[in-house]
Structures are given as C-alpha cells and as structure tokens.
PDB file of N, CA and C in Angstrom:
ATOM      1  N   MET A   1       2.119 -15.348   6.914  1.00  0.00           N
ATOM      2  CA  MET A   1       3.070 -14.321   6.561  1.00  0.00           C
ATOM      3  C   MET A   1       3.093 -14.113   5.052  1.00  0.00           C
ATOM      4  N   PHE A   2       3.441 -12.926   4.629  1.00  0.00           N
ATOM      5  CA  PHE A   2       3.533 -12.633   3.209  1.00  0.00           C
ATOM      6  C   PHE A   2       4.646 -11.626   2.955  1.00  0.00           C
ATOM      7  N   VAL A   3       5.173 -11.651   1.749  1.00  0.00           N
ATOM      8  CA  VAL A   3       6.174 -10.686   1.296  1.00  0.00           C
ATOM      9  C   VAL A   3       5.737 -10.204  -0.086  1.00  0.00           C
ATOM     10  N   GLY A   4       6.235  -9.055  -0.498  1.00  0.00           N
ATOM     11  CA  GLY A   4       5.854  -8.568  -1.817  1.00  0.00           C
ATOM     12  C   GLY A   4       6.553  -7.295  -2.211  1.00  0.00           C
ATOM     13  N   ILE A   5       6.123  -6.782  -3.341  1.00  0.00           N
ATOM     14  CA  ILE A   5       6.637  -5.538  -3.909  1.00  0.00           C
ATOM     15  C   ILE A   5       5.464  -4.579  -4.040  1.00  0.00           C
ATOM     16  N   ASP A   6       5.684  -3.347  -3.659  1.00  0.00           N
ATOM     17  CA  ASP A   6       4.642  -2.323  -3.694  1.00  0.00           C
ATOM     18  C   ASP A   6       5.077  -1.225  -4.663  1.00  0.00           C
ATOM     19  N   TYR A   7       4.168  -0.802  -5.530  1.00  0.00           N
ATOM     20  CA  TYR A   7       4.430   0.286  -6.477  1.00  0.00           C
ATOM     21  C   TYR A   7       3.260   1.253  -6.385  1.00  0.00           C
ATOM     22  N   SER A   8       3.540   2.543  -6.291  1.00  0.00           N
ATOM     23  CA  SER A   8       2.453   3.521  -6.265  1.00  0.00           C
ATOM     24  C   SER A   8       2.859   4.775  -7.041  1.00  0.00           C
ATOM     25  N   TYR A   9       1.916   5.282  -7.804  1.00  0.00           N
ATOM     26  CA  TYR A   9       2.107   6.513  -8.565  1.00  0.00           C
ATOM     27  C   TYR A   9       1.208   7.571  -7.962  1.00  0.00           C
ATOM     28  N   HIS A  10       1.756   8.760  -7.715  1.00  0.00           N
ATOM     29  CA  HIS A  10       1.017   9.826  -7.043  1.00  0.00           C
ATOM     30  C   HIS A  10       0.803  10.997  -7.999  1.00  0.00           C
ATOM     31  N   LYS A  11      -0.381  11.063  -8.567  1.00  0.00           N
ATOM     32  CA  LYS A  11      -0.741  12.129  -9.507  1.00  0.00           C
ATOM     33  C   LYS A  11      -0.673  13.499  -8.828  1.00  0.00           C
ATOM     34  N   ASP A  12      -1.024  13.555  -7.539  1.00  0.00           N
ATOM     35  CA  ASP A  12      -0.950  14.824  -6.820  1.00  0.00           C
ATOM     36  C   ASP A  12       0.478  15.342  -6.717  1.00  0.00           C
ATOM     37  N   MET A  13       1.444  14.452  -6.604  1.00  0.00           N
ATOM     38  CA  MET A  13       2.848  14.861  -6.560  1.00  0.00           C
ATOM     39  C   MET A  13       3.269  15.450  -7.908  1.00  0.00           C
ATOM     40  N   GLU A  14       2.831  14.802  -8.996  1.00  0.00           N
ATOM     41  CA  GLU A  14       3.140  15.335 -10.331  1.00  0.00           C
ATOM     42  C   GLU A  14       2.552  16.731 -10.497  1.00  0.00           C
ATOM     43  N   ALA A  15       1.315  16.920 -10.053  1.00  0.00           N
ATOM     44  CA  ALA A  15       0.670  18.233 -10.152  1.00  0.00           C
ATOM     45  C   ALA A  15       1.414  19.268  -9.297  1.00  0.00           C
ATOM     46  N   PHE A  16       1.827  18.886  -8.110  1.00  0.00           N
ATOM     47  CA  PHE A  16       2.594  19.782  -7.236  1.00  0.00           C
ATOM     48  C   PHE A  16       3.891  20.225  -7.916  1.00  0.00           C
ATOM     49  N   LEU A  17       4.615  19.291  -8.490  1.00  0.00           N
ATOM     50  CA  LEU A  17       5.880  19.614  -9.155  1.00  0.00           C
ATOM     51  C   LEU A  17       5.667  20.503 -10.371  1.00  0.00           C
ATOM     52  N   ARG A  18       4.606  20.225 -11.142  1.00  0.00           N
ATOM     53  CA  ARG A  18       4.315  21.062 -12.329  1.00  0.00           C
ATOM     54  C   ARG A  18       3.907  22.470 -11.932  1.00  0.00           C
ATOM     55  N   ASN A  19       2.995  22.567 -10.960  1.00  0.00           N
ATOM     56  CA  ASN A  19       2.488  23.884 -10.557  1.00  0.00           C
ATOM     57  C   ASN A  19       3.567  24.772  -9.958  1.00  0.00           C
ATOM     58  N   ASN A  20       4.536  24.170  -9.307  1.00  0.00           N
ATOM     59  CA  ASN A  20       5.605  24.937  -8.666  1.00  0.00           C
ATOM     60  C   ASN A  20       6.884  24.975  -9.486  1.00  0.00           C
ATOM     61  N   GLU A  21       6.818  24.414 -10.707  1.00  0.00           N
ATOM     62  CA  GLU A  21       7.953  24.385 -11.618  1.00  0.00           C
ATOM     63  C   GLU A  21       9.217  23.847 -10.942  1.00  0.00           C
ATOM     64  N   ILE A  22       9.042  22.711 -10.269  1.00  0.00           N
ATOM     65  CA  ILE A  22      10.151  22.037  -9.596  1.00  0.00           C
ATOM     66  C   ILE A  22      10.588  20.867 -10.463  1.00  0.00           C
ATOM     67  N   ASP A  23      11.860  20.763 -10.722  1.00  0.00           N
ATOM     68  CA  ASP A  23      12.420  19.668 -11.521  1.00  0.00           C
ATOM     69  C   ASP A  23      11.672  19.515 -12.855  1.00  0.00           C
ATOM     70  N   VAL A  24      11.628  20.590 -13.594  1.00  0.00           N
ATOM     71  CA  VAL A  24      10.875  20.669 -14.858  1.00  0.00           C
ATOM     72  C   VAL A  24      11.284  19.544 -15.809  1.00  0.00           C
ATOM     73  N   ASP A  25      10.291  18.954 -16.459  1.00  0.00           N
ATOM     74  CA  ASP A  25      10.416  17.841 -17.410  1.00  0.00           C
ATOM     75  C   ASP A  25      10.753  16.499 -16.755  1.00  0.00           C
ATOM     76  N   HIS A  26      10.798  16.443 -15.429  1.00  0.00           N
ATOM     77  CA  HIS A  26      11.044  15.185 -14.719  1.00  0.00           C
ATOM     78  C   HIS A  26       9.945  14.920 -13.689  1.00  0.00           C
ATOM     79  N   GLU A  27       8.788  15.543 -13.879  1.00  0.00           N
ATOM     80  CA  GLU A  27       7.714  15.437 -12.897  1.00  0.00           C
ATOM     81  C   GLU A  27       7.216  13.996 -12.736  1.00  0.00           C
ATOM     82  N   LYS A  28       7.014  13.298 -13.842  1.00  0.00           N
ATOM     83  CA  LYS A  28       6.522  11.912 -13.767  1.00  0.00           C
ATOM     84  C   LYS A  28       7.540  10.995 -13.112  1.00  0.00           C
ATOM     85  N   GLN A  29       8.802  11.176 -13.417  1.00  0.00           N
ATOM     86  CA  GLN A  29       9.863  10.338 -12.834  1.00  0.00           C
ATOM     87  C   GLN A  29       9.952  10.503 -11.321  1.00  0.00           C
ATOM     88  N   ASN A  30       9.582  11.682 -10.818  1.00  0.00           N
ATOM     89  CA  ASN A  30       9.667  11.957  -9.386  1.00  0.00           C
ATOM     90  C   ASN A  30       8.325  11.845  -8.676  1.00  0.00           C
ATOM     91  N   SER A  31       7.372  11.138  -9.284  1.00  0.00           N
ATOM     92  CA  SER A  31       6.036  11.016  -8.706  1.00  0.00           C
ATOM     93  C   SER A  31       5.657   9.583  -8.374  1.00  0.00           C
ATOM     94  N   TRP A  32       6.593   8.656  -8.395  1.00  0.00           N
ATOM     95  CA  TRP A  32       6.257   7.274  -8.047  1.00  0.00           C
ATOM     96  C   TRP A  32       7.200   6.740  -6.981  1.00  0.00           C
ATOM     97  N   LYS A  33       6.720   5.691  -6.297  1.00  0.00           N
ATOM     98  CA  LYS A  33       7.476   5.042  -5.234  1.00  0.00           C
ATOM     99  C   LYS A  33       7.453   3.537  -5.464  1.00  0.00           C
ATOM    100  N   SER A  34       8.484   2.861  -5.023  1.00  0.00           N
ATOM    101  CA  SER A  34       8.474   1.397  -5.016  1.00  0.00           C
ATOM    102  C   SER A  34       9.106   0.934  -3.709  1.00  0.00           C
ATOM    103  N   ALA A  35       8.656  -0.231  -3.257  1.00  0.00           N
ATOM    104  CA  ALA A  35       9.130  -0.742  -1.975  1.00  0.00           C
ATOM    105  C   ALA A  35       9.007  -2.261  -1.942  1.00  0.00           C
ATOM    106  N   ILE A  36       9.736  -2.870  -1.029  1.00  0.00           N
ATOM    107  CA  ILE A  36       9.544  -4.280  -0.701  1.00  0.00           C
ATOM    108  C   ILE A  36       8.920  -4.318   0.689  1.00  0.00           C
ATOM    109  N   PHE A  37       8.112  -5.337   0.962  1.00  0.00           N
ATOM    110  CA  PHE A  37       7.459  -5.389   2.264  1.00  0.00           C
ATOM    111  C   PHE A  37       7.322  -6.814   2.765  1.00  0.00           C
ATOM    112  N   ILE A  38       7.092  -6.912   4.062  1.00  0.00           N
ATOM    113  CA  ILE A  38       6.809  -8.170   4.741  1.00  0.00           C
ATOM    114  C   ILE A  38       5.677  -7.893   5.722  1.00  0.00           C
ATOM    115  N   GLY A  39       4.802  -8.874   5.902  1.00  0.00           N
ATOM    116  CA  GLY A  39       3.688  -8.661   6.801  1.00  0.00           C
ATOM    117  C   GLY A  39       3.082  -9.949   7.288  1.00  0.00           C
ATOM    118  N   ASN A  40       2.068  -9.806   8.115  1.00  0.00           N
ATOM    119  CA  ASN A  40       1.353 -10.950   8.644  1.00  0.00           C
ATOM    120  C   ASN A  40      -0.113 -10.576   8.800  1.00  0.00           C
ATOM    121  N   GLU A  41      -0.976 -11.573   8.639  1.00  0.00           N
ATOM    122  CA  GLU A  41      -2.409 -11.378   8.813  1.00  0.00           C
ATOM    123  C   GLU A  41      -2.893 -12.350   9.874  1.00  0.00           C
ATOM    124  N   TYR A  42      -3.550 -11.815  10.876  1.00  0.00           N
ATOM    125  CA  TYR A  42      -4.110 -12.628  11.957  1.00  0.00           C
ATOM    126  C   TYR A  42      -5.602 -12.779  11.707  1.00  0.00           C
ATOM    127  N   LEU A  43      -6.042 -13.999  11.491  1.00  0.00           N
ATOM    128  CA  LEU A  43      -7.443 -14.266  11.147  1.00  0.00           C
ATOM    129  C   LEU A  43      -8.276 -14.545  12.389  1.00  0.00           C
ATOM    130  N   TYR A  44      -9.421 -13.882  12.463  1.00  0.00           N
ATOM    131  CA  TYR A  44     -10.429 -14.086  13.495  1.00  0.00           C
ATOM    132  C   TYR A  44     -11.765 -14.270  12.785  1.00  0.00           C
ATOM    133  N   GLY A  45     -12.094 -15.503  12.438  1.00  0.00           N
ATOM    134  CA  GLY A  45     -13.306 -15.758  11.666  1.00  0.00           C
ATOM    135  C   GLY A  45     -13.168 -15.178  10.273  1.00  0.00           C
ATOM    136  N   ARG A  46     -14.056 -14.265   9.912  1.00  0.00           N
ATOM    137  CA  ARG A  46     -14.035 -13.630   8.585  1.00  0.00           C
ATOM    138  C   ARG A  46     -13.233 -12.334   8.552  1.00  0.00           C
ATOM    139  N   VAL A  47     -12.626 -11.961   9.673  1.00  0.00           N
ATOM    140  CA  VAL A  47     -11.866 -10.716   9.754  1.00  0.00           C
ATOM    141  C   VAL A  47     -10.375 -11.043   9.872  1.00  0.00           C
ATOM    142  N   GLY A  48      -9.578 -10.355   9.080  1.00  0.00           N
ATOM    143  CA  GLY A  48      -8.130 -10.489   9.143  1.00  0.00           C
ATOM    144  C   GLY A  48      -7.509  -9.171   9.561  1.00  0.00           C
ATOM    145  N   ILE A  49      -6.716  -9.170  10.630  1.00  0.00           N
ATOM    146  CA  ILE A  49      -5.992  -7.979  11.074  1.00  0.00           C
ATOM    147  C   ILE A  49      -4.612  -8.032  10.426  1.00  0.00           C
ATOM    148  N   LEU A  50      -4.280  -6.989   9.697  1.00  0.00           N
ATOM    149  CA  LEU A  50      -3.076  -6.968   8.876  1.00  0.00           C
ATOM    150  C   LEU A  50      -2.026  -6.023   9.447  1.00  0.00           C
ATOM    151  N   LEU A  51      -0.799  -6.497   9.559  1.00  0.00           N
ATOM    152  CA  LEU A  51       0.357  -5.688   9.955  1.00  0.00           C
ATOM    153  C   LEU A  51       1.419  -5.847   8.879  1.00  0.00           C
ATOM    154  N   GLN A  52       1.985  -4.727   8.436  1.00  0.00           N
ATOM    155  CA  GLN A  52       2.949  -4.778   7.340  1.00  0.00           C
ATOM    156  C   GLN A  52       4.034  -3.734   7.566  1.00  0.00           C
ATOM    157  N   VAL A  53       5.269  -4.078   7.204  1.00  0.00           N
ATOM    158  CA  VAL A  53       6.400  -3.147   7.255  1.00  0.00           C
ATOM    159  C   VAL A  53       7.064  -3.171   5.887  1.00  0.00           C
ATOM    160  N   GLY A  54       7.358  -1.984   5.356  1.00  0.00           N
ATOM    161  CA  GLY A  54       7.985  -1.894   4.043  1.00  0.00           C
ATOM    162  C   GLY A  54       9.217  -1.010   4.050  1.00  0.00           C
ATOM    163  N   TYR A  55      10.066  -1.232   3.058  1.00  0.00           N
ATOM    164  CA  TYR A  55      11.277  -0.446   2.890  1.00  0.00           C
ATOM    165  C   TYR A  55      11.295   0.098   1.463  1.00  0.00           C
ATOM    166  N   TYR A  56      11.407   1.420   1.316  1.00  0.00           N
ATOM    167  CA  TYR A  56      11.398   2.045  -0.002  1.00  0.00           C
ATOM    168  C   TYR A  56      12.670   1.744  -0.782  1.00  0.00           C
ATOM    169  N   LEU A  57      12.498   1.288  -2.011  1.00  0.00           N
ATOM    170  CA  LEU A  57      13.601   1.154  -2.953  1.00  0.00           C
ATOM    171  C   LEU A  57      13.772   2.453  -3.720  1.00  0.00           C
ATOM    172  N   LYS A  58      12.642   3.133  -4.004  1.00  0.00           N
ATOM    173  CA  LYS A  58      12.646   4.445  -4.664  1.00  0.00           C
ATOM    174  C   LYS A  58      11.539   5.283  -4.056  1.00  0.00           C
ATOM    175  N   GLN A  59      11.840   6.543  -3.758  1.00  0.00           N
ATOM    176  CA  GLN A  59      10.834   7.447  -3.219  1.00  0.00           C
ATOM    177  C   GLN A  59      10.526   8.532  -4.235  1.00  0.00           C
ATOM    178  N   ASN A  60       9.399   9.237  -4.027  1.00  0.00           N
ATOM    179  CA  ASN A  60       9.089  10.353  -4.913  1.00  0.00           C
ATOM    180  C   ASN A  60       9.867  11.591  -4.465  1.00  0.00           C
ATOM    181  N   TYR A  61       9.550  12.741  -5.018  1.00  0.00           N
ATOM    182  CA  TYR A  61      10.342  13.954  -4.790  1.00  0.00           C
ATOM    183  C   TYR A  61      10.439  14.326  -3.313  1.00  0.00           C
ATOM    184  N   ILE A  62       9.334  14.219  -2.582  1.00  0.00           N
ATOM    185  CA  ILE A  62       9.341  14.533  -1.154  1.00  0.00           C
ATOM    186  C   ILE A  62       9.741  13.278  -0.393  1.00  0.00           C
ATOM    187  N   ARG A  63      10.922  13.285   0.153  1.00  0.00           N
ATOM    188  CA  ARG A  63      11.481  12.121   0.848  1.00  0.00           C
ATOM    189  C   ARG A  63      10.917  12.009   2.256  1.00  0.00           C
ATOM    190  N   ARG A  64      10.678  10.769   2.671  1.00  0.00           N
ATOM    191  CA  ARG A  64      10.257  10.463   4.035  1.00  0.00           C
ATOM    192  C   ARG A  64      11.211   9.412   4.576  1.00  0.00           C
ATOM    193  N   ASP A  65      10.878   8.882   5.741  1.00  0.00           N
ATOM    194  CA  ASP A  65      11.679   7.774   6.269  1.00  0.00           C
ATOM    195  C   ASP A  65      11.711   6.651   5.253  1.00  0.00           C
ATOM    196  N   ALA A  66      12.769   5.885   5.249  1.00  0.00           N
ATOM    197  CA  ALA A  66      12.910   4.773   4.302  1.00  0.00           C
ATOM    198  C   ALA A  66      11.987   3.609   4.655  1.00  0.00           C
ATOM    199  N   VAL A  67      11.464   3.589   5.878  1.00  0.00           N
ATOM    200  CA  VAL A  67      10.601   2.502   6.339  1.00  0.00           C
ATOM    201  C   VAL A  67       9.190   3.043   6.540  1.00  0.00           C
ATOM    202  N   TYR A  68       8.193   2.253   6.140  1.00  0.00           N
ATOM    203  CA  TYR A  68       6.800   2.607   6.399  1.00  0.00           C
ATOM    204  C   TYR A  68       6.074   1.424   7.018  1.00  0.00           C
ATOM    205  N   GLU A  69       4.926   1.691   7.617  1.00  0.00           N
ATOM    206  CA  GLU A  69       4.103   0.665   8.241  1.00  0.00           C
ATOM    207  C   GLU A  69       2.689   0.766   7.697  1.00  0.00           C
ATOM    208  N   LYS A  70       2.007  -0.373   7.655  1.00  0.00           N
ATOM    209  CA  LYS A  70       0.586  -0.401   7.320  1.00  0.00           C
ATOM    210  C   LYS A  70      -0.141  -1.230   8.370  1.00  0.00           C
ATOM    211  N   LEU A  71      -1.275  -0.737   8.784  1.00  0.00           N
ATOM    212  CA  LEU A  71      -2.123  -1.431   9.742  1.00  0.00           C
ATOM    213  C   LEU A  71      -3.529  -1.389   9.188  1.00  0.00           C
ATOM    214  N   GLY A  72      -4.224  -2.512   9.226  1.00  0.00           N
ATOM    215  CA  GLY A  72      -5.570  -2.512   8.681  1.00  0.00           C
ATOM    216  C   GLY A  72      -6.284  -3.821   8.885  1.00  0.00           C
ATOM    217  N   ALA A  73      -7.352  -3.986   8.120  1.00  0.00           N
ATOM    218  CA  ALA A  73      -8.188  -5.179   8.256  1.00  0.00           C
ATOM    219  C   ALA A  73      -8.740  -5.592   6.902  1.00  0.00           C
ATOM    220  N   ASN A  74      -8.938  -6.902   6.764  1.00  0.00           N
ATOM    221  CA  ASN A  74      -9.628  -7.487   5.612  1.00  0.00           C
ATOM    222  C   ASN A  74     -10.914  -8.120   6.127  1.00  0.00           C
ATOM    223  N   LEU A  75     -11.997  -7.896   5.424  1.00  0.00           N
ATOM    224  CA  LEU A  75     -13.255  -8.569   5.716  1.00  0.00           C
ATOM    225  C   LEU A  75     -13.517  -9.537   4.579  1.00  0.00           C
ATOM    226  N   TYR A  76     -13.497 -10.837   4.889  1.00  0.00           N
ATOM    227  CA  TYR A  76     -13.653 -11.875   3.876  1.00  0.00           C
ATOM    228  C   TYR A  76     -15.128 -12.133   3.616  1.00  0.00           C
ATOM    229  N   LEU A  77     -15.557 -11.850   2.401  1.00  0.00           N
ATOM    230  CA  LEU A  77     -16.930 -12.125   1.986  1.00  0.00           C
ATOM    231  C   LEU A  77     -17.062 -13.575   1.538  1.00  0.00           C
ATOM    232  N   ILE A  78     -16.001 -14.110   0.921  1.00  0.00           N
ATOM    233  CA  ILE A  78     -15.949 -15.511   0.502  1.00  0.00           C
ATOM    234  C   ILE A  78     -14.619 -16.094   0.976  1.00  0.00           C
ATOM    235  N   ARG A  79     -14.656 -17.227   1.665  1.00  0.00           N
ATOM    236  CA  ARG A  79     -13.463 -17.997   2.040  1.00  0.00           C
ATOM    237  C   ARG A  79     -13.829 -19.460   1.900  1.00  0.00           C
ATOM    238  N   GLN A  80     -13.280 -20.118   0.888  1.00  0.00           N
ATOM    239  CA  GLN A  80     -13.592 -21.526   0.646  1.00  0.00           C
ATOM    240  C   GLN A  80     -12.387 -22.231   0.042  1.00  0.00           C
ATOM    241  N   GLU A  81     -12.305 -23.519   0.259  1.00  0.00           N
ATOM    242  CA  GLU A  81     -11.190 -24.317  -0.244  1.00  0.00           C
ATOM    243  C   GLU A  81     -11.419 -24.785  -1.681  1.00  0.00           C
ATOM    244  N   LYS A  82     -12.661 -25.005  -2.058  1.00  0.00           N
ATOM    245  CA  LYS A  82     -12.971 -25.543  -3.387  1.00  0.00           C
ATOM    246  C   LYS A  82     -13.563 -24.461  -4.276  1.00  0.00           C
ATOM    247  N   GLY A  83     -13.443 -24.693  -5.587  1.00  0.00           N
ATOM    248  CA  GLY A  83     -13.989 -23.741  -6.547  1.00  0.00           C
ATOM    249  C   GLY A  83     -12.915 -22.846  -7.126  1.00  0.00           C
ATOM    250  N   ALA A  84     -13.279 -22.139  -8.189  1.00  0.00           N
ATOM    251  CA  ALA A  84     -12.314 -21.260  -8.868  1.00  0.00           C
ATOM    252  C   ALA A  84     -11.963 -20.047  -8.003  1.00  0.00           C
ATOM    253  N   LEU A  85     -12.951 -19.466  -7.352  1.00  0.00           N
ATOM    254  CA  LEU A  85     -12.737 -18.293  -6.503  1.00  0.00           C
ATOM    255  C   LEU A  85     -12.632 -18.752  -5.049  1.00  0.00           C
ATOM    256  N   LYS A  86     -11.452 -18.652  -4.483  1.00  0.00           N
ATOM    257  CA  LYS A  86     -11.222 -19.111  -3.106  1.00  0.00           C
ATOM    258  C   LYS A  86     -11.485 -18.018  -2.072  1.00  0.00           C
ATOM    259  N   GLU A  87     -11.169 -16.766  -2.443  1.00  0.00           N
ATOM    260  CA  GLU A  87     -11.342 -15.652  -1.507  1.00  0.00           C
ATOM    261  C   GLU A  87     -11.860 -14.416  -2.232  1.00  0.00           C
ATOM    262  N   LEU A  88     -12.703 -13.688  -1.546  1.00  0.00           N
ATOM    263  CA  LEU A  88     -13.153 -12.366  -1.969  1.00  0.00           C
ATOM    264  C   LEU A  88     -13.205 -11.536  -0.694  1.00  0.00           C
ATOM    265  N   PHE A  89     -12.473 -10.415  -0.696  1.00  0.00           N
ATOM    266  CA  PHE A  89     -12.449  -9.603   0.523  1.00  0.00           C
ATOM    267  C   PHE A  89     -12.363  -8.124   0.198  1.00  0.00           C
ATOM    268  N   VAL A  90     -12.781  -7.310   1.158  1.00  0.00           N
ATOM    269  CA  VAL A  90     -12.602  -5.864   1.098  1.00  0.00           C
ATOM    270  C   VAL A  90     -11.616  -5.513   2.207  1.00  0.00           C
ATOM    271  N   SER A  91     -10.821  -4.482   1.966  1.00  0.00           N
ATOM    272  CA  SER A  91      -9.808  -4.126   2.956  1.00  0.00           C
ATOM    273  C   SER A  91      -9.751  -2.624   3.175  1.00  0.00           C
ATOM    274  N   ILE A  92      -9.273  -2.270   4.337  1.00  0.00           N
ATOM    275  CA  ILE A  92      -8.980  -0.878   4.680  1.00  0.00           C
ATOM    276  C   ILE A  92      -7.651  -0.879   5.420  1.00  0.00           C
ATOM    277  N   LEU A  93      -6.748   0.000   4.989  1.00  0.00           N
ATOM    278  CA  LEU A  93      -5.392   0.065   5.561  1.00  0.00           C
ATOM    279  C   LEU A  93      -5.016   1.519   5.814  1.00  0.00           C
ATOM    280  N   LEU A  94      -4.232   1.740   6.844  1.00  0.00           N
ATOM    281  CA  LEU A  94      -3.655   3.045   7.133  1.00  0.00           C
ATOM    282  C   LEU A  94      -2.148   2.923   6.959  1.00  0.00           C
ATOM    283  N   LYS A  95      -1.577   3.746   6.081  1.00  0.00           N
ATOM    284  CA  LYS A  95      -0.131   3.738   5.840  1.00  0.00           C
ATOM    285  C   LYS A  95       0.495   4.881   6.620  1.00  0.00           C
ATOM    286  N   THR A  96       1.517   4.554   7.412  1.00  0.00           N
ATOM    287  CA  THR A  96       2.155   5.553   8.259  1.00  0.00           C
ATOM    288  C   THR A  96       3.675   5.511   8.121  1.00  0.00           C
ATOM    289  N   HIS A  97       4.278   6.590   8.565  1.00  0.00           N
ATOM    290  CA  HIS A  97       5.728   6.684   8.740  1.00  0.00           C
ATOM    291  C   HIS A  97       5.917   7.039  10.200  1.00  0.00           C
ATOM    292  N   LYS A  98       6.211   6.020  11.004  1.00  0.00           N
ATOM    293  CA  LYS A  98       6.249   6.143  12.469  1.00  0.00           C
ATOM    294  C   LYS A  98       4.862   6.621  12.923  1.00  0.00           C
ATOM    295  N   ALA A  99       4.748   7.794  13.522  1.00  0.00           N
ATOM    296  CA  ALA A  99       3.452   8.257  14.035  1.00  0.00           C
ATOM    297  C   ALA A  99       2.729   9.195  13.074  1.00  0.00           C
ATOM    298  N   GLN A 100       3.267   9.400  11.870  1.00  0.00           N
ATOM    299  CA  GLN A 100       2.668  10.320  10.909  1.00  0.00           C
ATOM    300  C   GLN A 100       1.972   9.541   9.805  1.00  0.00           C
ATOM    301  N   ALA A 101       0.654   9.731   9.697  1.00  0.00           N
ATOM    302  CA  ALA A 101      -0.124   9.035   8.675  1.00  0.00           C
ATOM    303  C   ALA A 101       0.134   9.655   7.305  1.00  0.00           C
ATOM    304  N   GLU A 102       0.271   8.799   6.288  1.00  0.00           N
ATOM    305  CA  GLU A 102       0.438   9.282   4.914  1.00  0.00           C
ATOM    306  C   GLU A 102      -0.878   9.190   4.156  1.00  0.00           C
ATOM    307  N   LEU A 103      -1.529   8.017   4.222  1.00  0.00           N
ATOM    308  CA  LEU A 103      -2.767   7.841   3.476  1.00  0.00           C
ATOM    309  C   LEU A 103      -3.552   6.651   4.000  1.00  0.00           C
ATOM    310  N   ALA A 104      -4.813   6.587   3.606  1.00  0.00           N
ATOM    311  CA  ALA A 104      -5.671   5.435   3.884  1.00  0.00           C
ATOM    312  C   ALA A 104      -5.959   4.750   2.555  1.00  0.00           C
ATOM    313  N   GLU A 105      -6.002   3.429   2.578  1.00  0.00           N
ATOM    314  CA  GLU A 105      -6.261   2.651   1.371  1.00  0.00           C
ATOM    315  C   GLU A 105      -7.537   1.845   1.549  1.00  0.00           C
ATOM    316  N   LEU A 106      -8.326   1.799   0.504  1.00  0.00           N
ATOM    317  CA  LEU A 106      -9.492   0.918   0.434  1.00  0.00           C
ATOM    318  C   LEU A 106      -9.249  -0.028  -0.737  1.00  0.00           C
ATOM    319  N   GLY A 107      -9.582  -1.295  -0.561  1.00  0.00           N
ATOM    320  CA  GLY A 107      -9.303  -2.234  -1.640  1.00  0.00           C
ATOM    321  C   GLY A 107     -10.283  -3.392  -1.679  1.00  0.00           C
ATOM    322  N   ILE A 108     -10.245  -4.091  -2.800  1.00  0.00           N
ATOM    323  CA  ILE A 108     -10.997  -5.319  -3.014  1.00  0.00           C
ATOM    324  C   ILE A 108      -9.985  -6.358  -3.469  1.00  0.00           C
ATOM    325  N   GLY A 109     -10.048  -7.545  -2.890  1.00  0.00           N
ATOM    326  CA  GLY A 109      -9.086  -8.583  -3.248  1.00  0.00           C
ATOM    327  C   GLY A 109      -9.755  -9.874  -3.647  1.00  0.00           C
ATOM    328  N   LEU A 110      -9.093 -10.596  -4.540  1.00  0.00           N
ATOM    329  CA  LEU A 110      -9.552 -11.901  -5.005  1.00  0.00           C
ATOM    330  C   LEU A 110      -8.435 -12.911  -4.803  1.00  0.00           C
ATOM    331  N   GLY A 111      -8.806 -14.121  -4.423  1.00  0.00           N
ATOM    332  CA  GLY A 111      -7.845 -15.205  -4.321  1.00  0.00           C
ATOM    333  C   GLY A 111      -8.310 -16.381  -5.152  1.00  0.00           C
ATOM    334  N   PHE A 112      -7.407 -16.936  -5.972  1.00  0.00           N
ATOM    335  CA  PHE A 112      -7.760 -18.046  -6.854  1.00  0.00           C
ATOM    336  C   PHE A 112      -7.067 -19.315  -6.429  1.00  0.00           C
TER     337      PHE A 112
END
C-alpha cells in the first residue's frame, strides 16, 4: 500500500483560459490541481497492477468530481535488494472520474 500527494499543472488549461479571456490575470492560478491519494500495487513477477484513489484538495478552473481513480501497470526492469538502485520501472496509468477518462500517464520510476 502507498499514500502520497499529487500535483499537476495543465498548460492546456492556461491556454484555454487565455484564449477565451476567462478569469483574466489569474490563468496560472486556475491551471493546477493538487490531491492526496491512497493505493495498492499487486505484484505478479515483474509486473505490478496499480489501483489508486485520490481526493482533490484544489482543482483547476473546470471542476470535476472531488474523487478520481487511477488504474495501470508498472513493468519492473530492475528489482533487487542490494545495490544503490533497487528498482527501475516504466508505468502506464489511466486517470478517470468514475467512468469518464481524463488522461493517460506514461512514466519512469526509480527506487533507491
């Protein structure tokens, strides 16, 4: 299990607000989100299936449900107990609000 804080800045939201002259001079302030989350990863060999639920502390200009979900997988390229680098993985996640997808994430992770 894991818990954490999520922060994301959406440049497309800033561009939308500027182009439509919505909330002039506050575009950057209304283009980021922050949330707290809890999740679990189920390991099957080198593959980890990830489930996560988050709650927004701050949303950007376009409001959605206060709760979001992420579903995805990590593929571990390195998993070892000894050495400076313990884990190296690539991940793919789908972020949703109930049945409506918001975005897909691709990532690279390191564990020390």
